[in-house]
């Protein structure tokens, strides 16, 4: 999970480095798109951990709340990101987004999630 968040955050930080249309810009865009695979790494591990820790009778409810909360957070992030992009500029907003992702990865790195091994299944 930690690797996934770090990877997608670093990939986000590649976009502001693109100088514009050209080979370097294309290479950075492709590298960013390949970095999106780290999101899959995070999502698979996050949902597996959630299912392992949640009792079977509550998994549907937890999945519903998680999905709704994620969609709501995404909508708020879209509005805030658009406002910051309009105010500060696109490149600066992408740097902020990558920095927030790296902060989240750092929090995961400092959390007990690193020490979880061989969880008992419910």
PDB file of N, CA and C in Angstrom:
ATOM      1  N   UNK A   1       0.830  -1.195   0.000  1.00  0.00           N
ATOM      2  CA  UNK A   1       0.000   0.000   0.000  1.00  0.00           C
ATOM      3  C   UNK A   1       0.870   1.252   0.000  1.00  0.00           C
ATOM      4  N   UNK A   2       1.914   1.221   0.814  1.00  0.00           N
ATOM      5  CA  UNK A   2       2.794   2.378   0.922  1.00  0.00           C
ATOM      6  C   UNK A   2       3.495   2.624  -0.414  1.00  0.00           C
ATOM      7  N   UNK A   3       3.996   1.561  -1.028  1.00  0.00           N
ATOM      8  CA  UNK A   3       4.645   1.675  -2.332  1.00  0.00           C
ATOM      9  C   UNK A   3       3.676   2.232  -3.374  1.00  0.00           C
ATOM     10  N   UNK A   4       2.422   1.797  -3.324  1.00  0.00           N
ATOM     11  CA  UNK A   4       1.431   2.277  -4.274  1.00  0.00           C
ATOM     12  C   UNK A   4       1.202   3.769  -4.167  1.00  0.00           C
ATOM     13  N   UNK A   5       1.054   4.273  -2.925  1.00  0.00           N
ATOM     14  CA  UNK A   5       0.815   5.709  -2.738  1.00  0.00           C
ATOM     15  C   UNK A   5       2.054   6.519  -3.124  1.00  0.00           C
ATOM     16  N   UNK A   6       3.232   6.040  -2.712  1.00  0.00           N
ATOM     17  CA  UNK A   6       4.456   6.745  -3.112  1.00  0.00           C
ATOM     18  C   UNK A   6       4.598   6.781  -4.631  1.00  0.00           C
ATOM     19  N   UNK A   7       4.353   5.651  -5.291  1.00  0.00           N
ATOM     20  CA  UNK A   7       4.511   5.582  -6.737  1.00  0.00           C
ATOM     21  C   UNK A   7       3.580   6.505  -7.488  1.00  0.00           C
ATOM     22  N   UNK A   8       2.306   6.507  -7.117  1.00  0.00           N
ATOM     23  CA  UNK A   8       1.355   7.360  -7.840  1.00  0.00           C
ATOM     24  C   UNK A   8       1.625   8.832  -7.535  1.00  0.00           C
ATOM     25  N   UNK A   9       2.109   9.144  -6.333  1.00  0.00           N
ATOM     26  CA  UNK A   9       2.439  10.531  -5.995  1.00  0.00           C
ATOM     27  C   UNK A   9       3.647  11.009  -6.785  1.00  0.00           C
ATOM     28  N   UNK A  10       4.654  10.168  -6.885  1.00  0.00           N
ATOM     29  CA  UNK A  10       5.833  10.543  -7.681  1.00  0.00           C
ATOM     30  C   UNK A  10       5.477  10.685  -9.156  1.00  0.00           C
ATOM     31  N   UNK A  11       4.586   9.824  -9.639  1.00  0.00           N
ATOM     32  CA  UNK A  11       4.148   9.927 -11.034  1.00  0.00           C
ATOM     33  C   UNK A  11       3.404  11.237 -11.262  1.00  0.00           C
ATOM     34  N   UNK A  12       2.626  11.672 -10.275  1.00  0.00           N
ATOM     35  CA  UNK A  12       1.918  12.951 -10.391  1.00  0.00           C
ATOM     36  C   UNK A  12       2.908  14.104 -10.479  1.00  0.00           C
ATOM     37  N   UNK A  13       4.013  13.982  -9.765  1.00  0.00           N
ATOM     38  CA  UNK A  13       5.021  15.044  -9.782  1.00  0.00           C
ATOM     39  C   UNK A  13       5.793  15.118 -11.107  1.00  0.00           C
ATOM     40  N   UNK A  14       5.650  14.113 -11.964  1.00  0.00           N
ATOM     41  CA  UNK A  14       6.300  14.166 -13.283  1.00  0.00           C
ATOM     42  C   UNK A  14       5.609  15.152 -14.221  1.00  0.00           C
ATOM     43  N   UNK A  15       4.305  15.292 -14.096  1.00  0.00           N
ATOM     44  CA  UNK A  15       3.560  16.129 -15.042  1.00  0.00           C
ATOM     45  C   UNK A  15       3.979  17.593 -15.035  1.00  0.00           C
ATOM     46  N   UNK A  16       4.195  18.215 -13.872  1.00  0.00           N
ATOM     47  CA  UNK A  16       4.611  19.629 -13.917  1.00  0.00           C
ATOM     48  C   UNK A  16       5.987  19.835 -14.552  1.00  0.00           C
ATOM     49  N   UNK A  17       6.765  18.774 -14.686  1.00  0.00           N
ATOM     50  CA  UNK A  17       8.086  18.888 -15.296  1.00  0.00           C
ATOM     51  C   UNK A  17       8.022  18.930 -16.819  1.00  0.00           C
ATOM     52  N   UNK A  18       6.888  18.565 -17.398  1.00  0.00           N
ATOM     53  CA  UNK A  18       6.757  18.529 -18.855  1.00  0.00           C
ATOM     54  C   UNK A  18       6.860  19.948 -19.415  1.00  0.00           C
ATOM     55  N   UNK A  19       7.771  20.157 -20.353  1.00  0.00           N
ATOM     56  CA  UNK A  19       7.971  21.504 -20.887  1.00  0.00           C
ATOM     57  C   UNK A  19       6.906  21.916 -21.897  1.00  0.00           C
ATOM     58  N   UNK A  20       6.078  21.016 -22.302  1.00  0.00           N
ATOM     59  CA  UNK A  20       5.059  21.308 -23.310  1.00  0.00           C
ATOM     60  C   UNK A  20       5.054  20.210 -24.352  1.00  0.00           C
ATOM     61  N   UNK A  21       4.481  20.520 -25.520  1.00  0.00           N
ATOM     62  CA  UNK A  21       4.438  19.538 -26.598  1.00  0.00           C
ATOM     63  C   UNK A  21       5.853  19.270 -27.088  1.00  0.00           C
ATOM     64  N   UNK A  22       6.152  18.018 -27.266  1.00  0.00           N
ATOM     65  CA  UNK A  22       7.480  17.615 -27.706  1.00  0.00           C
ATOM     66  C   UNK A  22       7.787  16.240 -27.141  1.00  0.00           C
ATOM     67  N   UNK A  23       8.972  15.750 -27.471  1.00  0.00           N
ATOM     68  CA  UNK A  23       9.324  14.387 -27.065  1.00  0.00           C
ATOM     69  C   UNK A  23       9.470  14.249 -25.558  1.00  0.00           C
ATOM     70  N   UNK A  24      10.061  15.240 -24.904  1.00  0.00           N
ATOM     71  CA  UNK A  24      10.225  15.160 -23.452  1.00  0.00           C
ATOM     72  C   UNK A  24       8.866  15.207 -22.746  1.00  0.00           C
ATOM     73  N   UNK A  25       7.996  16.081 -23.221  1.00  0.00           N
ATOM     74  CA  UNK A  25       6.645  16.152 -22.658  1.00  0.00           C
ATOM     75  C   UNK A  25       5.897  14.845 -22.837  1.00  0.00           C
ATOM     76  N   UNK A  26       6.037  14.240 -24.020  1.00  0.00           N
ATOM     77  CA  UNK A  26       5.390  12.955 -24.284  1.00  0.00           C
ATOM     78  C   UNK A  26       5.959  11.863 -23.382  1.00  0.00           C
ATOM     79  N   UNK A  27       7.284  11.858 -23.213  1.00  0.00           N
ATOM     80  CA  UNK A  27       7.918  10.843 -22.362  1.00  0.00           C
ATOM     81  C   UNK A  27       7.449  10.975 -20.915  1.00  0.00           C
ATOM     82  N   UNK A  28       7.340  12.204 -20.415  1.00  0.00           N
ATOM     83  CA  UNK A  28       6.876  12.408 -19.041  1.00  0.00           C
ATOM     84  C   UNK A  28       5.406  12.024 -18.896  1.00  0.00           C
ATOM     85  N   UNK A  29       4.612  12.296 -19.914  1.00  0.00           N
ATOM     86  CA  UNK A  29       3.202  11.900 -19.873  1.00  0.00           C
ATOM     87  C   UNK A  29       3.059  10.386 -19.860  1.00  0.00           C
ATOM     88  N   UNK A  30       3.821   9.699 -20.685  1.00  0.00           N
ATOM     89  CA  UNK A  30       3.780   8.232 -20.707  1.00  0.00           C
ATOM     90  C   UNK A  30       4.266   7.665 -19.377  1.00  0.00           C
ATOM     91  N   UNK A  31       5.328   8.242 -18.816  1.00  0.00           N
ATOM     92  CA  UNK A  31       5.828   7.783 -17.521  1.00  0.00           C
ATOM     93  C   UNK A  31       4.772   7.991 -16.438  1.00  0.00           C
ATOM     94  N   UNK A  32       4.054   9.111 -16.504  1.00  0.00           N
ATOM     95  CA  UNK A  32       2.972   9.350 -15.547  1.00  0.00           C
ATOM     96  C   UNK A  32       1.878   8.302 -15.689  1.00  0.00           C
ATOM     97  N   UNK A  33       1.505   7.990 -16.908  1.00  0.00           N
ATOM     98  CA  UNK A  33       0.445   7.004 -17.129  1.00  0.00           C
ATOM     99  C   UNK A  33       0.876   5.625 -16.637  1.00  0.00           C
ATOM    100  N   UNK A  34       2.124   5.269 -16.852  1.00  0.00           N
ATOM    101  CA  UNK A  34       2.618   3.987 -16.343  1.00  0.00           C
ATOM    102  C   UNK A  34       2.652   3.996 -14.822  1.00  0.00           C
ATOM    103  N   UNK A  35       2.921   5.149 -14.239  1.00  0.00           N
ATOM    104  CA  UNK A  35       2.919   5.277 -12.788  1.00  0.00           C
ATOM    105  C   UNK A  35       1.543   5.083 -12.183  1.00  0.00           C
ATOM    106  N   UNK A  36       0.503   5.261 -12.982  1.00  0.00           N
ATOM    107  CA  UNK A  36      -0.852   5.035 -12.474  1.00  0.00           C
ATOM    108  C   UNK A  36      -1.084   3.577 -12.075  1.00  0.00           C
ATOM    109  N   UNK A  37      -0.230   2.682 -12.553  1.00  0.00           N
ATOM    110  CA  UNK A  37      -0.336   1.287 -12.127  1.00  0.00           C
ATOM    111  C   UNK A  37      -0.123   1.125 -10.633  1.00  0.00           C
ATOM    112  N   UNK A  38       0.580   2.077 -10.029  1.00  0.00           N
ATOM    113  CA  UNK A  38       0.762   2.033  -8.580  1.00  0.00           C
ATOM    114  C   UNK A  38      -0.572   2.206  -7.848  1.00  0.00           C
ATOM    115  N   UNK A  39      -1.501   2.907  -8.477  1.00  0.00           N
ATOM    116  CA  UNK A  39      -2.837   3.056  -7.885  1.00  0.00           C
ATOM    117  C   UNK A  39      -3.510   1.696  -7.757  1.00  0.00           C
ATOM    118  N   UNK A  40      -3.316   0.850  -8.753  1.00  0.00           N
ATOM    119  CA  UNK A  40      -3.880  -0.505  -8.709  1.00  0.00           C
ATOM    120  C   UNK A  40      -3.256  -1.298  -7.564  1.00  0.00           C
ATOM    121  N   UNK A  41      -1.951  -1.146  -7.387  1.00  0.00           N
ATOM    122  CA  UNK A  41      -1.265  -1.828  -6.283  1.00  0.00           C
ATOM    123  C   UNK A  41      -1.883  -1.415  -4.956  1.00  0.00           C
ATOM    124  N   UNK A  42      -2.115  -0.112  -4.780  1.00  0.00           N
ATOM    125  CA  UNK A  42      -2.724   0.367  -3.541  1.00  0.00           C
ATOM    126  C   UNK A  42      -4.136  -0.182  -3.374  1.00  0.00           C
ATOM    127  N   UNK A  43      -4.965  -0.054  -4.409  1.00  0.00           N
ATOM    128  CA  UNK A  43      -6.375  -0.440  -4.308  1.00  0.00           C
ATOM    129  C   UNK A  43      -6.551  -1.922  -3.987  1.00  0.00           C
ATOM    130  N   UNK A  44      -5.773  -2.770  -4.630  1.00  0.00           N
ATOM    131  CA  UNK A  44      -5.885  -4.210  -4.378  1.00  0.00           C
ATOM    132  C   UNK A  44      -5.530  -4.527  -2.933  1.00  0.00           C
ATOM    133  N   UNK A  45      -4.447  -3.951  -2.450  1.00  0.00           N
ATOM    134  CA  UNK A  45      -4.031  -4.208  -1.078  1.00  0.00           C
ATOM    135  C   UNK A  45      -4.989  -3.591  -0.068  1.00  0.00           C
ATOM    136  N   UNK A  46      -5.487  -2.399  -0.351  1.00  0.00           N
ATOM    137  CA  UNK A  46      -6.421  -1.741   0.566  1.00  0.00           C
ATOM    138  C   UNK A  46      -7.709  -2.525   0.695  1.00  0.00           C
ATOM    139  N   UNK A  47      -8.269  -2.964  -0.415  1.00  0.00           N
ATOM    140  CA  UNK A  47      -9.533  -3.703  -0.327  1.00  0.00           C
ATOM    141  C   UNK A  47      -9.323  -5.083   0.290  1.00  0.00           C
ATOM    142  N   UNK A  48      -8.187  -5.708   0.036  1.00  0.00           N
ATOM    143  CA  UNK A  48      -7.900  -7.002   0.674  1.00  0.00           C
ATOM    144  C   UNK A  48      -7.766  -6.845   2.187  1.00  0.00           C
ATOM    145  N   UNK A  49      -7.071  -5.800   2.622  1.00  0.00           N
ATOM    146  CA  UNK A  49      -6.922  -5.554   4.054  1.00  0.00           C
ATOM    147  C   UNK A  49      -8.275  -5.254   4.699  1.00  0.00           C
ATOM    148  N   UNK A  50      -9.078  -4.432   4.040  1.00  0.00           N
ATOM    149  CA  UNK A  50     -10.402  -4.089   4.571  1.00  0.00           C
ATOM    150  C   UNK A  50     -11.269  -5.335   4.698  1.00  0.00           C
ATOM    151  N   UNK A  51     -11.254  -6.199   3.699  1.00  0.00           N
ATOM    152  CA  UNK A  51     -12.067  -7.421   3.749  1.00  0.00           C
ATOM    153  C   UNK A  51     -11.567  -8.377   4.817  1.00  0.00           C
ATOM    154  N   UNK A  52     -10.261  -8.413   5.040  1.00  0.00           N
ATOM    155  CA  UNK A  52      -9.703  -9.306   6.055  1.00  0.00           C
ATOM    156  C   UNK A  52     -10.071  -8.841   7.456  1.00  0.00           C
ATOM    157  N   UNK A  53     -10.069  -7.532   7.675  1.00  0.00           N
ATOM    158  CA  UNK A  53     -10.331  -6.998   9.007  1.00  0.00           C
ATOM    159  C   UNK A  53     -11.810  -6.854   9.330  1.00  0.00           C
ATOM    160  N   UNK A  54     -12.672  -6.891   8.325  1.00  0.00           N
ATOM    161  CA  UNK A  54     -14.101  -6.682   8.542  1.00  0.00           C
ATOM    162  C   UNK A  54     -14.820  -8.016   8.707  1.00  0.00           C
ATOM    163  N   UNK A  55     -15.656  -8.140   9.740  1.00  0.00           N
ATOM    164  CA  UNK A  55     -16.445  -9.369   9.893  1.00  0.00           C
ATOM    165  C   UNK A  55     -17.342  -9.587   8.668  1.00  0.00           C
ATOM    166  N   UNK A  56     -17.564 -10.852   8.285  1.00  0.00           N
ATOM    167  CA  UNK A  56     -18.332 -11.136   7.067  1.00  0.00           C
ATOM    168  C   UNK A  56     -19.706 -10.459   7.023  1.00  0.00           C
ATOM    169  N   UNK A  57     -20.383 -10.383   8.155  1.00  0.00           N
ATOM    170  CA  UNK A  57     -21.741  -9.819   8.155  1.00  0.00           C
ATOM    171  C   UNK A  57     -21.743  -8.298   7.941  1.00  0.00           C
ATOM    172  N   UNK A  58     -20.590  -7.659   8.055  1.00  0.00           N
ATOM    173  CA  UNK A  58     -20.519  -6.208   7.880  1.00  0.00           C
ATOM    174  C   UNK A  58     -19.822  -5.788   6.584  1.00  0.00           C
ATOM    175  N   UNK A  59     -19.325  -6.726   5.805  1.00  0.00           N
ATOM    176  CA  UNK A  59     -18.537  -6.380   4.615  1.00  0.00           C
ATOM    177  C   UNK A  59     -19.316  -5.567   3.595  1.00  0.00           C
ATOM    178  N   UNK A  60     -20.563  -5.891   3.386  1.00  0.00           N
ATOM    179  CA  UNK A  60     -21.376  -5.133   2.436  1.00  0.00           C
ATOM    180  C   UNK A  60     -21.553  -3.687   2.868  1.00  0.00           C
ATOM    181  N   UNK A  61     -21.852  -3.498   4.148  1.00  0.00           N
ATOM    182  CA  UNK A  61     -22.024  -2.141   4.670  1.00  0.00           C
ATOM    183  C   UNK A  61     -20.731  -1.352   4.602  1.00  0.00           C
ATOM    184  N   UNK A  62     -19.639  -1.985   4.992  1.00  0.00           N
ATOM    185  CA  UNK A  62     -18.345  -1.303   4.964  1.00  0.00           C
ATOM    186  C   UNK A  62     -17.960  -0.952   3.521  1.00  0.00           C
ATOM    187  N   UNK A  63     -18.216  -1.851   2.592  1.00  0.00           N
ATOM    188  CA  UNK A  63     -17.912  -1.565   1.182  1.00  0.00           C
ATOM    189  C   UNK A  63     -18.762  -0.405   0.675  1.00  0.00           C
ATOM    190  N   UNK A  64     -20.023  -0.359   1.069  1.00  0.00           N
ATOM    191  CA  UNK A  64     -20.898   0.736   0.652  1.00  0.00           C
ATOM    192  C   UNK A  64     -20.453   2.078   1.205  1.00  0.00           C
ATOM    193  N   UNK A  65     -20.131   2.105   2.491  1.00  0.00           N
ATOM    194  CA  UNK A  65     -19.678   3.349   3.118  1.00  0.00           C
ATOM    195  C   UNK A  65     -18.344   3.788   2.522  1.00  0.00           C
ATOM    196  N   UNK A  66     -17.445   2.827   2.298  1.00  0.00           N
ATOM    197  CA  UNK A  66     -16.141   3.155   1.717  1.00  0.00           C
ATOM    198  C   UNK A  66     -16.307   3.709   0.302  1.00  0.00           C
ATOM    199  N   UNK A  67     -17.153   3.084  -0.491  1.00  0.00           N
ATOM    200  CA  UNK A  67     -17.384   3.568  -1.845  1.00  0.00           C
ATOM    201  C   UNK A  67     -18.012   4.948  -1.873  1.00  0.00           C
ATOM    202  N   UNK A  68     -19.011   5.162  -1.025  1.00  0.00           N
ATOM    203  CA  UNK A  68     -19.662   6.470  -0.963  1.00  0.00           C
ATOM    204  C   UNK A  68     -18.697   7.539  -0.473  1.00  0.00           C
ATOM    205  N   UNK A  69     -17.946   7.219   0.589  1.00  0.00           N
ATOM    206  CA  UNK A  69     -16.985   8.180   1.126  1.00  0.00           C
ATOM    207  C   UNK A  69     -15.901   8.525   0.116  1.00  0.00           C
ATOM    208  N   UNK A  70     -15.429   7.520  -0.619  1.00  0.00           N
ATOM    209  CA  UNK A  70     -14.422   7.765  -1.643  1.00  0.00           C
ATOM    210  C   UNK A  70     -14.947   8.649  -2.762  1.00  0.00           C
ATOM    211  N   UNK A  71     -16.195   8.393  -3.200  1.00  0.00           N
ATOM    212  CA  UNK A  71     -16.789   9.210  -4.261  1.00  0.00           C
ATOM    213  C   UNK A  71     -17.018  10.638  -3.783  1.00  0.00           C
ATOM    214  N   UNK A  72     -17.460  10.804  -2.545  1.00  0.00           N
ATOM    215  CA  UNK A  72     -17.675  12.144  -2.001  1.00  0.00           C
ATOM    216  C   UNK A  72     -16.350  12.897  -1.882  1.00  0.00           C
ATOM    217  N   UNK A  73     -15.323  12.220  -1.400  1.00  0.00           N
ATOM    218  CA  UNK A  73     -14.002  12.858  -1.280  1.00  0.00           C
ATOM    219  C   UNK A  73     -13.468  13.239  -2.659  1.00  0.00           C
ATOM    220  N   UNK A  74     -13.725  12.393  -3.659  1.00  0.00           N
ATOM    221  CA  UNK A  74     -13.273  12.688  -5.006  1.00  0.00           C
ATOM    222  C   UNK A  74     -13.961  13.945  -5.554  1.00  0.00           C
ATOM    223  N   UNK A  75     -15.246  14.084  -5.288  1.00  0.00           N
ATOM    224  CA  UNK A  75     -15.965  15.277  -5.752  1.00  0.00           C
ATOM    225  C   UNK A  75     -15.446  16.535  -5.073  1.00  0.00           C
ATOM    226  N   UNK A  76     -15.215  16.462  -3.772  1.00  0.00           N
ATOM    227  CA  UNK A  76     -14.662  17.614  -3.055  1.00  0.00           C
ATOM    228  C   UNK A  76     -13.268  17.933  -3.602  1.00  0.00           C
ATOM    229  N   UNK A  77     -12.463  16.907  -3.841  1.00  0.00           N
ATOM    230  CA  UNK A  77     -11.122  17.112  -4.384  1.00  0.00           C
ATOM    231  C   UNK A  77     -11.154  17.746  -5.765  1.00  0.00           C
ATOM    232  N   UNK A  78     -12.124  17.370  -6.586  1.00  0.00           N
ATOM    233  CA  UNK A  78     -12.246  17.970  -7.915  1.00  0.00           C
ATOM    234  C   UNK A  78     -12.536  19.458  -7.823  1.00  0.00           C
ATOM    235  N   UNK A  79     -13.443  19.821  -6.930  1.00  0.00           N
ATOM    236  CA  UNK A  79     -13.792  21.233  -6.777  1.00  0.00           C
ATOM    237  C   UNK A  79     -12.614  22.020  -6.210  1.00  0.00           C
ATOM    238  N   UNK A  80     -11.995  21.495  -5.163  1.00  0.00           N
ATOM    239  CA  UNK A  80     -10.855  22.189  -4.549  1.00  0.00           C
ATOM    240  C   UNK A  80      -9.681  22.255  -5.537  1.00  0.00           C
ATOM    241  N   UNK A  81      -9.399  21.159  -6.222  1.00  0.00           N
ATOM    242  CA  UNK A  81      -8.321  21.156  -7.205  1.00  0.00           C
ATOM    243  C   UNK A  81      -8.565  22.145  -8.331  1.00  0.00           C
ATOM    244  N   UNK A  82      -9.804  22.223  -8.786  1.00  0.00           N
ATOM    245  CA  UNK A  82     -10.130  23.200  -9.830  1.00  0.00           C
ATOM    246  C   UNK A  82      -9.960  24.626  -9.356  1.00  0.00           C
ATOM    247  N   UNK A  83     -10.382  24.891  -8.123  1.00  0.00           N
ATOM    248  CA  UNK A  83     -10.243  26.237  -7.567  1.00  0.00           C
ATOM    249  C   UNK A  83      -8.771  26.604  -7.378  1.00  0.00           C
ATOM    250  N   UNK A  84      -7.985  25.674  -6.840  1.00  0.00           N
ATOM    251  CA  UNK A  84      -6.554  25.937  -6.647  1.00  0.00           C
ATOM    252  C   UNK A  84      -5.865  26.084  -8.005  1.00  0.00           C
ATOM    253  N   UNK A  85      -6.258  25.265  -8.975  1.00  0.00           N
ATOM    254  CA  UNK A  85      -5.682  25.372 -10.315  1.00  0.00           C
ATOM    255  C   UNK A  85      -5.978  26.712 -10.960  1.00  0.00           C
ATOM    256  N   UNK A  86      -7.176  27.197 -10.757  1.00  0.00           N
ATOM    257  CA  UNK A  86      -7.552  28.502 -11.301  1.00  0.00           C
ATOM    258  C   UNK A  86      -6.784  29.619 -10.599  1.00  0.00           C
ATOM    259  N   UNK A  87      -6.592  29.478  -9.299  1.00  0.00           N
ATOM    260  CA  UNK A  87      -5.940  30.521  -8.500  1.00  0.00           C
ATOM    261  C   UNK A  87      -4.419  30.502  -8.652  1.00  0.00           C
ATOM    262  N   UNK A  88      -3.818  29.315  -8.541  1.00  0.00           N
ATOM    263  CA  UNK A  88      -2.364  29.226  -8.497  1.00  0.00           C
ATOM    264  C   UNK A  88      -1.738  28.794  -9.821  1.00  0.00           C
ATOM    265  N   UNK A  89      -2.482  28.093 -10.646  1.00  0.00           N
ATOM    266  CA  UNK A  89      -1.942  27.586 -11.901  1.00  0.00           C
ATOM    267  C   UNK A  89      -1.902  26.059 -11.899  1.00  0.00           C
ATOM    268  N   UNK A  90      -1.890  25.494 -13.092  1.00  0.00           N
ATOM    269  CA  UNK A  90      -1.970  24.043 -13.235  1.00  0.00           C
ATOM    270  C   UNK A  90      -0.733  23.337 -12.688  1.00  0.00           C
ATOM    271  N   UNK A  91       0.428  23.777 -13.069  1.00  0.00           N
ATOM    272  CA  UNK A  91       1.659  23.110 -12.607  1.00  0.00           C
ATOM    273  C   UNK A  91       1.789  23.157 -11.093  1.00  0.00           C
ATOM    274  N   UNK A  92       1.497  24.296 -10.517  1.00  0.00           N
ATOM    275  CA  UNK A  92       1.593  24.434  -9.069  1.00  0.00           C
ATOM    276  C   UNK A  92       0.596  23.514  -8.360  1.00  0.00           C
ATOM    277  N   UNK A  93      -0.592  23.413  -8.928  1.00  0.00           N
ATOM    278  CA  UNK A  93      -1.612  22.545  -8.340  1.00  0.00           C
ATOM    279  C   UNK A  93      -1.186  21.082  -8.406  1.00  0.00           C
ATOM    280  N   UNK A  94      -0.565  20.686  -9.502  1.00  0.00           N
ATOM    281  CA  UNK A  94      -0.074  19.308  -9.608  1.00  0.00           C
ATOM    282  C   UNK A  94       1.044  19.031  -8.606  1.00  0.00           C
ATOM    283  N   UNK A  95       1.889  20.026  -8.354  1.00  0.00           N
ATOM    284  CA  UNK A  95       2.931  19.863  -7.339  1.00  0.00           C
ATOM    285  C   UNK A  95       2.299  19.704  -5.959  1.00  0.00           C
ATOM    286  N   UNK A  96       1.281  20.510  -5.675  1.00  0.00           N
ATOM    287  CA  UNK A  96       0.576  20.386  -4.387  1.00  0.00           C
ATOM    288  C   UNK A  96      -0.072  19.011  -4.270  1.00  0.00           C
ATOM    289  N   UNK A  97      -0.710  18.546  -5.337  1.00  0.00           N
ATOM    290  CA  UNK A  97      -1.361  17.230  -5.305  1.00  0.00           C
ATOM    291  C   UNK A  97      -0.341  16.122  -5.062  1.00  0.00           C
ATOM    292  N   UNK A  98       0.787  16.178  -5.745  1.00  0.00           N
ATOM    293  CA  UNK A  98       1.836  15.183  -5.515  1.00  0.00           C
ATOM    294  C   UNK A  98       2.385  15.254  -4.107  1.00  0.00           C
ATOM    295  N   UNK A  99       2.528  16.465  -3.581  1.00  0.00           N
ATOM    296  CA  UNK A  99       3.010  16.636  -2.214  1.00  0.00           C
ATOM    297  C   UNK A  99       2.034  16.088  -1.186  1.00  0.00           C
ATOM    298  N   UNK A 100       0.744  16.299  -1.417  1.00  0.00           N
ATOM    299  CA  UNK A 100      -0.264  15.741  -0.512  1.00  0.00           C
ATOM    300  C   UNK A 100      -0.211  14.216  -0.550  1.00  0.00           C
ATOM    301  N   UNK A 101      -0.031  13.655  -1.737  1.00  0.00           N
ATOM    302  CA  UNK A 101       0.100  12.201  -1.848  1.00  0.00           C
ATOM    303  C   UNK A 101       1.312  11.676  -1.107  1.00  0.00           C
ATOM    304  N   UNK A 102       2.439  12.377  -1.229  1.00  0.00           N
ATOM    305  CA  UNK A 102       3.648  11.967  -0.511  1.00  0.00           C
ATOM    306  C   UNK A 102       3.457  12.085   0.997  1.00  0.00           C
ATOM    307  N   UNK A 103       2.710  13.104   1.443  1.00  0.00           N
ATOM    308  CA  UNK A 103       2.415  13.225   2.872  1.00  0.00           C
ATOM    309  C   UNK A 103       1.565  12.049   3.343  1.00  0.00           C
ATOM    310  N   UNK A 104       0.589  11.646   2.524  1.00  0.00           N
ATOM    311  CA  UNK A 104      -0.223  10.482   2.867  1.00  0.00           C
ATOM    312  C   UNK A 104       0.596   9.205   2.921  1.00  0.00           C
ATOM    313  N   UNK A 105       1.515   9.063   1.985  1.00  0.00           N
ATOM    314  CA  UNK A 105       2.382   7.883   1.992  1.00  0.00           C
ATOM    315  C   UNK A 105       3.279   7.885   3.225  1.00  0.00           C
ATOM    316  N   UNK A 106       3.736   9.063   3.618  1.00  0.00           N
ATOM    317  CA  UNK A 106       4.566   9.165   4.821  1.00  0.00           C
ATOM    318  C   UNK A 106       3.770   8.775   6.059  1.00  0.00           C
ATOM    319  N   UNK A 107       2.522   9.204   6.113  1.00  0.00           N
ATOM    320  CA  UNK A 107       1.667   8.803   7.241  1.00  0.00           C
ATOM    321  C   UNK A 107       1.486   7.288   7.272  1.00  0.00           C
ATOM    322  N   UNK A 108       1.293   6.678   6.113  1.00  0.00           N
ATOM    323  CA  UNK A 108       1.187   5.220   6.061  1.00  0.00           C
ATOM    324  C   UNK A 108       2.486   4.564   6.507  1.00  0.00           C
ATOM    325  N   UNK A 109       3.599   5.150   6.105  1.00  0.00           N
ATOM    326  CA  UNK A 109       4.900   4.601   6.480  1.00  0.00           C
ATOM    327  C   UNK A 109       5.105   4.640   7.995  1.00  0.00           C
ATOM    328  N   UNK A 110       4.586   5.666   8.636  1.00  0.00           N
ATOM    329  CA  UNK A 110       4.722   5.805  10.084  1.00  0.00           C
ATOM    330  C   UNK A 110       3.646   5.053  10.866  1.00  0.00           C
ATOM    331  N   UNK A 111       2.647   4.544  10.179  1.00  0.00           N
ATOM    332  CA  UNK A 111       1.533   3.863  10.855  1.00  0.00           C
ATOM    333  C   UNK A 111       1.882   2.399  11.114  1.00  0.00           C
ATOM    334  N   UNK A 112       1.053   1.720  11.914  1.00  0.00           N
ATOM    335  CA  UNK A 112       1.296   0.307  12.189  1.00  0.00           C
ATOM    336  C   UNK A 112       1.017  -0.610  10.990  1.00  0.00           C
ATOM    337  N   UNK A 113       0.550  -0.068   9.897  1.00  0.00           N
ATOM    338  CA  UNK A 113       0.190  -0.909   8.750  1.00  0.00           C
ATOM    339  C   UNK A 113       1.403  -1.663   8.206  1.00  0.00           C
ATOM    340  N   UNK A 114       2.597  -1.101   8.403  1.00  0.00           N
ATOM    341  CA  UNK A 114       3.819  -1.765   7.931  1.00  0.00           C
ATOM    342  C   UNK A 114       4.058  -3.092   8.640  1.00  0.00           C
ATOM    343  N   UNK A 115       3.583  -3.202   9.856  1.00  0.00           N
ATOM    344  CA  UNK A 115       3.890  -4.387  10.675  1.00  0.00           C
ATOM    345  C   UNK A 115       2.847  -5.487  10.555  1.00  0.00           C
ATOM    346  N   UNK A 116       1.785  -5.261   9.805  1.00  0.00           N
ATOM    347  CA  UNK A 116       0.742  -6.275   9.682  1.00  0.00           C
ATOM    348  C   UNK A 116       1.232  -7.444   8.831  1.00  0.00           C
ATOM    349  N   UNK A 117       1.186  -8.624   9.390  1.00  0.00           N
ATOM    350  CA  UNK A 117       1.595  -9.828   8.667  1.00  0.00           C
ATOM    351  C   UNK A 117       0.641 -10.957   9.031  1.00  0.00           C
ATOM    352  N   UNK A 118       0.317 -11.767   8.070  1.00  0.00           N
ATOM    353  CA  UNK A 118      -0.470 -12.979   8.290  1.00  0.00           C
ATOM    354  C   UNK A 118      -1.671 -12.742   9.201  1.00  0.00           C
ATOM    355  N   UNK A 119      -2.552 -11.845   8.737  1.00  0.00           N
ATOM    356  CA  UNK A 119      -3.754 -11.560   9.526  1.00  0.00           C
ATOM    357  C   UNK A 119      -4.677 -12.772   9.511  1.00  0.00           C
ATOM    358  N   UNK A 120      -5.318 -13.061  10.630  1.00  0.00           N
ATOM    359  CA  UNK A 120      -6.287 -14.154  10.620  1.00  0.00           C
ATOM    360  C   UNK A 120      -7.507 -13.748   9.806  1.00  0.00           C
ATOM    361  N   UNK A 121      -8.002 -14.647   9.005  1.00  0.00           N
ATOM    362  CA  UNK A 121      -9.210 -14.358   8.218  1.00  0.00           C
ATOM    363  C   UNK A 121     -10.417 -14.625   9.076  1.00  0.00           C
ATOM    364  N   UNK A 122     -11.466 -13.828   8.845  1.00  0.00           N
ATOM    365  CA  UNK A 122     -12.702 -13.992   9.631  1.00  0.00           C
ATOM    366  C   UNK A 122     -13.668 -14.876   8.928  1.00  0.00           C
TER     367      UNK A 122
END
